[in-house]
Amino acid sequence: GPVAARLGFRAGDLTRGDEMSQKTDGEFFWKIAQGQDPMPAFRKEKGLTDPQMWDVVNYIRTLAVK
């Protein structure tokens, strides 16, 4: 997105199947829930429920090119 240019590092490419296969669903869930600078903690700050966060994890998995 537009903020990526200001991060100071290359954001992960969710379409790269080789990189995505090295991450567990639990890792994605934790990062969504707890945040990882500069990404906010969506559980606390945005009020996402556990089922909603699992929906995000499942969606992220559809982006990777096999």
N, C-alpha and C. Protein backbone atom coordinates (compact mmCIF):
# COMPACT_ATOMS: atom_id res chain seq x y z
N GLY A 1 0.81 -1.19 0.00
CA GLY A 1 0.00 0.00 0.00
C GLY A 1 0.86 1.26 0.00
N PRO A 2 0.24 2.39 0.13
CA PRO A 2 0.94 3.66 0.05
C PRO A 2 1.94 3.89 1.19
N VAL A 3 1.76 3.25 2.32
CA VAL A 3 2.66 3.44 3.45
C VAL A 3 3.97 2.67 3.25
N ALA A 4 3.97 1.68 2.41
CA ALA A 4 5.15 0.81 2.23
C ALA A 4 6.41 1.59 1.89
N ALA A 5 6.28 2.64 1.12
CA ALA A 5 7.46 3.43 0.73
C ALA A 5 8.12 4.11 1.92
N ARG A 6 7.36 4.35 2.99
CA ARG A 6 7.89 5.05 4.16
C ARG A 6 8.38 4.09 5.26
N LEU A 7 8.29 2.81 5.06
CA LEU A 7 8.63 1.85 6.11
C LEU A 7 10.13 1.78 6.42
N GLY A 8 10.95 1.98 5.41
CA GLY A 8 12.38 1.84 5.62
C GLY A 8 12.87 0.41 5.44
N PHE A 9 11.98 -0.49 5.08
CA PHE A 9 12.33 -1.88 4.77
C PHE A 9 11.31 -2.42 3.79
N ARG A 10 11.64 -3.52 3.16
CA ARG A 10 10.73 -4.14 2.19
C ARG A 10 9.70 -4.98 2.93
N ALA A 11 8.45 -4.65 2.72
CA ALA A 11 7.37 -5.42 3.33
C ALA A 11 7.31 -6.81 2.69
N GLY A 12 6.85 -7.79 3.44
CA GLY A 12 6.75 -9.15 2.91
C GLY A 12 5.78 -9.23 1.74
N ASP A 13 6.08 -10.11 0.81
CA ASP A 13 5.25 -10.30 -0.37
C ASP A 13 4.36 -11.51 -0.12
N LEU A 14 3.09 -11.26 0.13
CA LEU A 14 2.15 -12.32 0.48
C LEU A 14 1.81 -13.22 -0.70
N THR A 15 2.27 -12.87 -1.90
CA THR A 15 2.02 -13.71 -3.06
C THR A 15 3.12 -14.73 -3.31
N ARG A 16 4.21 -14.64 -2.57
CA ARG A 16 5.35 -15.56 -2.79
C ARG A 16 5.12 -16.86 -2.03
N GLY A 17 4.74 -17.87 -2.77
CA GLY A 17 4.44 -19.16 -2.17
C GLY A 17 5.61 -19.76 -1.41
N ASP A 18 6.84 -19.54 -1.90
CA ASP A 18 8.01 -20.11 -1.23
C ASP A 18 8.21 -19.48 0.15
N GLU A 19 7.98 -18.18 0.27
CA GLU A 19 8.11 -17.51 1.58
C GLU A 19 6.92 -17.83 2.48
N MET A 20 5.74 -17.83 1.90
CA MET A 20 4.52 -18.04 2.69
C MET A 20 4.46 -19.45 3.27
N SER A 21 5.02 -20.42 2.57
CA SER A 21 4.97 -21.80 3.06
C SER A 21 5.85 -22.00 4.29
N GLN A 22 6.75 -21.05 4.56
CA GLN A 22 7.62 -21.14 5.73
C GLN A 22 6.98 -20.55 6.98
N LYS A 23 5.83 -19.92 6.85
CA LYS A 23 5.13 -19.31 7.98
C LYS A 23 3.94 -20.18 8.37
N THR A 24 3.71 -20.31 9.67
CA THR A 24 2.56 -21.09 10.13
C THR A 24 1.34 -20.17 10.25
N ASP A 25 0.17 -20.79 10.25
CA ASP A 25 -1.05 -20.02 10.46
C ASP A 25 -1.01 -19.31 11.81
N GLY A 26 -0.45 -20.00 12.80
CA GLY A 26 -0.36 -19.41 14.14
C GLY A 26 0.51 -18.15 14.17
N GLU A 27 1.59 -18.14 13.37
CA GLU A 27 2.44 -16.94 13.29
C GLU A 27 1.65 -15.77 12.73
N PHE A 28 0.89 -16.01 11.66
CA PHE A 28 0.08 -14.94 11.10
C PHE A 28 -0.97 -14.46 12.09
N PHE A 29 -1.62 -15.41 12.76
CA PHE A 29 -2.65 -15.05 13.74
C PHE A 29 -2.06 -14.16 14.83
N TRP A 30 -0.91 -14.55 15.36
CA TRP A 30 -0.27 -13.80 16.44
C TRP A 30 0.10 -12.40 15.98
N LYS A 31 0.66 -12.29 14.77
CA LYS A 31 1.04 -10.97 14.26
C LYS A 31 -0.17 -10.08 14.04
N ILE A 32 -1.27 -10.65 13.58
CA ILE A 32 -2.49 -9.88 13.41
C ILE A 32 -3.03 -9.44 14.76
N ALA A 33 -3.05 -10.35 15.71
CA ALA A 33 -3.60 -10.06 17.04
C ALA A 33 -2.73 -9.08 17.83
N GLN A 34 -1.42 -9.32 17.85
CA GLN A 34 -0.51 -8.55 18.70
C GLN A 34 0.13 -7.35 18.00
N GLY A 35 0.15 -7.41 16.68
CA GLY A 35 0.81 -6.36 15.92
C GLY A 35 2.30 -6.60 15.84
N GLN A 36 2.92 -5.92 14.92
CA GLN A 36 4.37 -5.97 14.78
C GLN A 36 4.73 -4.67 14.07
N ASP A 37 5.44 -3.82 14.79
CA ASP A 37 5.73 -2.48 14.33
C ASP A 37 6.11 -2.46 12.85
N PRO A 38 5.47 -1.67 12.05
CA PRO A 38 4.54 -0.59 12.32
C PRO A 38 3.07 -1.00 12.24
N MET A 39 2.78 -2.28 12.08
CA MET A 39 1.39 -2.73 11.99
C MET A 39 0.75 -2.74 13.38
N PRO A 40 -0.46 -2.20 13.49
CA PRO A 40 -1.11 -2.17 14.81
C PRO A 40 -1.59 -3.56 15.25
N ALA A 41 -1.89 -3.66 16.53
CA ALA A 41 -2.48 -4.89 17.08
C ALA A 41 -3.98 -4.84 16.80
N PHE A 42 -4.42 -5.64 15.87
CA PHE A 42 -5.81 -5.55 15.44
C PHE A 42 -6.79 -6.09 16.48
N ARG A 43 -6.36 -6.97 17.36
CA ARG A 43 -7.26 -7.44 18.42
C ARG A 43 -7.56 -6.30 19.36
N LYS A 44 -6.53 -5.64 19.83
CA LYS A 44 -6.69 -4.60 20.84
C LYS A 44 -7.20 -3.29 20.23
N GLU A 45 -6.55 -2.83 19.17
CA GLU A 45 -6.83 -1.51 18.62
C GLU A 45 -8.05 -1.48 17.70
N LYS A 46 -8.34 -2.58 17.05
CA LYS A 46 -9.43 -2.60 16.08
C LYS A 46 -10.58 -3.49 16.51
N GLY A 47 -10.39 -4.25 17.59
CA GLY A 47 -11.48 -5.06 18.12
C GLY A 47 -11.84 -6.29 17.30
N LEU A 48 -10.89 -6.83 16.53
CA LEU A 48 -11.20 -8.04 15.78
C LEU A 48 -11.34 -9.23 16.73
N THR A 49 -12.29 -10.07 16.44
CA THR A 49 -12.50 -11.28 17.22
C THR A 49 -11.57 -12.38 16.70
N ASP A 50 -11.42 -13.44 17.48
CA ASP A 50 -10.60 -14.56 17.02
C ASP A 50 -11.11 -15.12 15.69
N PRO A 51 -12.42 -15.37 15.53
CA PRO A 51 -12.88 -15.88 14.23
C PRO A 51 -12.58 -14.91 13.08
N GLN A 52 -12.67 -13.63 13.32
CA GLN A 52 -12.35 -12.66 12.26
C GLN A 52 -10.87 -12.71 11.90
N MET A 53 -10.02 -12.86 12.91
CA MET A 53 -8.59 -12.93 12.63
C MET A 53 -8.25 -14.22 11.87
N TRP A 54 -8.92 -15.33 12.20
CA TRP A 54 -8.70 -16.57 11.43
C TRP A 54 -9.18 -16.39 10.00
N ASP A 55 -10.25 -15.62 9.79
CA ASP A 55 -10.69 -15.32 8.43
C ASP A 55 -9.60 -14.58 7.66
N VAL A 56 -8.92 -13.64 8.32
CA VAL A 56 -7.82 -12.91 7.68
C VAL A 56 -6.68 -13.87 7.34
N VAL A 57 -6.33 -14.75 8.26
CA VAL A 57 -5.27 -15.73 8.00
C VAL A 57 -5.64 -16.58 6.78
N ASN A 58 -6.87 -17.06 6.75
CA ASN A 58 -7.31 -17.89 5.62
C ASN A 58 -7.27 -17.11 4.32
N TYR A 59 -7.63 -15.83 4.36
CA TYR A 59 -7.57 -14.99 3.16
C TYR A 59 -6.12 -14.82 2.71
N ILE A 60 -5.24 -14.54 3.65
CA ILE A 60 -3.81 -14.36 3.31
C ILE A 60 -3.29 -15.60 2.59
N ARG A 61 -3.70 -16.77 3.03
CA ARG A 61 -3.26 -18.02 2.40
C ARG A 61 -3.70 -18.11 0.94
N THR A 62 -4.79 -17.47 0.57
CA THR A 62 -5.26 -17.54 -0.83
C THR A 62 -4.42 -16.68 -1.76
N LEU A 63 -3.59 -15.78 -1.22
CA LEU A 63 -2.83 -14.85 -2.05
C LEU A 63 -1.55 -15.45 -2.62
N ALA A 64 -1.02 -16.46 -1.96
CA ALA A 64 0.26 -17.04 -2.37
C ALA A 64 0.10 -17.83 -3.67
N VAL A 65 1.01 -17.57 -4.59
CA VAL A 65 1.03 -18.31 -5.85
C VAL A 65 1.73 -19.64 -5.60
N LYS A 66 1.07 -20.71 -5.96
CA LYS A 66 1.62 -22.04 -5.72
C LYS A 66 2.70 -22.38 -6.72
